[in-house]
Amino acid sequence: MAVKVLIERRIEPRARRTVIDAMKRMRQRCLDEPGYISGETLFDNNDENHIVVISTWFGLMDWKRWQASEDRQAYIDQIQPHLREPDRVLVMLEGLSERVAGA
């Protein structure tokens, strides 16, 4: 079952280019990660420093493996010092799970 991961970040305006560049490099690296399907980056229409990243993974374990990886942590270490507040991560299962559907 596909998994969507939504990561909401509010970044410091002075560090916008630094954060966006790190996010681009991380996305590029994800292309080689098993289970990664796609990703998109959205900017709030009213606040360009409010960013939401949505990535799609083949399965929950694929996301968890990437989330726990040293490679990802290296990118996060570049981004975190420039956040106004901790990022918010939501992991959403696509469609109805067997539990909910009763299948």
Protein backbone atom coordinates (compact mmCIF):
# COMPACT_ATOMS: atom_id res chain seq x y z
CA MET A 1 0.00 0.00 0.00
CA ALA A 2 1.40 3.39 -0.99
CA VAL A 3 2.32 5.87 1.72
CA LYS A 4 2.25 9.66 1.49
CA VAL A 5 4.57 11.60 3.77
CA LEU A 6 3.77 15.26 4.37
CA ILE A 7 6.51 17.38 5.92
CA GLU A 8 5.66 20.92 6.89
CA ARG A 9 8.49 23.38 7.45
CA ARG A 10 8.60 27.05 8.39
CA ILE A 11 12.02 28.37 7.53
CA GLU A 12 13.93 31.49 8.44
CA PRO A 13 13.72 33.98 5.52
CA ARG A 14 17.48 34.66 5.56
CA ALA A 15 18.17 30.95 5.02
CA ARG A 16 15.62 30.30 2.29
CA ARG A 17 18.19 29.56 -0.46
CA THR A 18 20.25 27.29 1.84
CA VAL A 19 17.20 25.24 2.84
CA ILE A 20 15.78 24.97 -0.66
CA ASP A 21 19.15 23.86 -2.05
CA ALA A 22 19.44 21.16 0.65
CA MET A 23 15.89 20.03 -0.08
CA LYS A 24 16.67 19.77 -3.81
CA ARG A 25 19.74 17.65 -3.10
CA MET A 26 17.71 15.42 -0.78
CA ARG A 27 15.02 14.93 -3.45
CA GLN A 28 17.71 14.03 -5.98
CA ARG A 29 19.13 11.46 -3.55
CA CYS A 30 15.65 9.99 -2.99
CA LEU A 31 15.48 9.02 -6.65
CA ASP A 32 17.95 6.23 -5.86
CA GLU A 33 16.15 5.12 -2.70
CA PRO A 34 14.24 1.81 -2.97
CA GLY A 35 10.50 2.37 -2.67
CA TYR A 36 10.55 6.09 -3.51
CA ILE A 37 7.87 6.90 -6.07
CA SER A 38 7.61 10.67 -6.28
CA GLY A 39 7.78 13.97 -4.46
CA GLU A 40 6.62 17.54 -4.71
CA THR A 41 7.36 20.76 -2.88
CA LEU A 42 4.62 23.29 -2.25
CA PHE A 43 5.02 26.90 -1.12
CA ASP A 44 2.30 28.69 0.83
CA ASN A 45 0.72 31.39 -1.33
CA ASN A 46 0.74 33.80 1.62
CA ASP A 47 4.13 32.91 3.11
CA GLU A 48 6.96 31.75 0.86
CA ASN A 49 8.85 30.50 3.92
CA HIS A 50 6.10 28.01 4.75
CA ILE A 51 6.88 24.87 2.75
CA VAL A 52 5.15 21.50 2.51
CA VAL A 53 6.90 18.52 0.96
CA ILE A 54 4.81 15.54 -0.10
CA SER A 55 6.58 12.32 -0.98
CA THR A 56 5.06 9.03 -2.06
CA TRP A 57 6.58 5.71 -1.07
CA PHE A 58 5.71 2.20 -2.18
CA GLY A 59 5.30 1.04 1.42
CA LEU A 60 5.64 2.16 5.01
CA MET A 61 8.88 0.23 5.52
CA ASP A 62 10.45 2.02 2.53
CA TRP A 63 9.72 5.38 4.15
CA LYS A 64 10.91 4.22 7.58
CA ARG A 65 14.18 2.94 6.11
CA TRP A 66 14.81 6.30 4.43
CA GLN A 67 13.68 8.23 7.51
CA ALA A 68 16.22 6.39 9.68
CA SER A 69 19.07 6.55 7.15
CA GLU A 70 22.32 8.39 7.72
CA ASP A 71 21.99 9.99 4.29
CA ARG A 72 18.65 11.59 5.18
CA GLN A 73 19.94 12.69 8.57
CA ALA A 74 22.82 14.52 6.89
CA TYR A 75 20.33 16.58 4.87
CA ILE A 76 18.11 17.18 7.91
CA ASP A 77 21.17 18.42 9.81
CA GLN A 78 21.63 21.07 7.09
CA ILE A 79 17.97 22.14 7.25
CA GLN A 80 17.07 22.05 10.96
CA PRO A 81 19.19 25.00 12.13
CA HIS A 82 17.22 27.21 9.73
CA LEU A 83 13.72 26.30 10.87
CA ARG A 84 11.53 28.70 12.84
CA GLU A 85 9.98 25.69 14.61
CA PRO A 86 10.39 21.91 14.45
CA ASP A 87 9.17 20.38 11.23
CA ARG A 88 5.90 18.49 11.31
CA VAL A 89 5.78 15.03 9.71
CA LEU A 90 2.54 13.23 8.86
CA VAL A 91 2.63 9.70 7.45
CA MET A 92 -0.60 8.87 5.66
CA LEU A 93 -1.68 5.54 4.21
CA GLU A 94 -3.22 5.81 0.77
CA GLY A 95 -6.75 4.47 0.44
CA LEU A 96 -8.44 2.25 2.97
CA SER A 97 -6.32 -0.13 4.98
CA GLU A 98 -7.47 -3.67 5.64
CA ARG A 99 -8.21 -2.62 9.22
CA VAL A 100 -10.58 0.15 8.17
CA ALA A 101 -12.12 -1.63 5.19
CA GLY A 102 -12.68 -4.85 7.09
CA ALA A 103 -11.13 -6.81 4.23
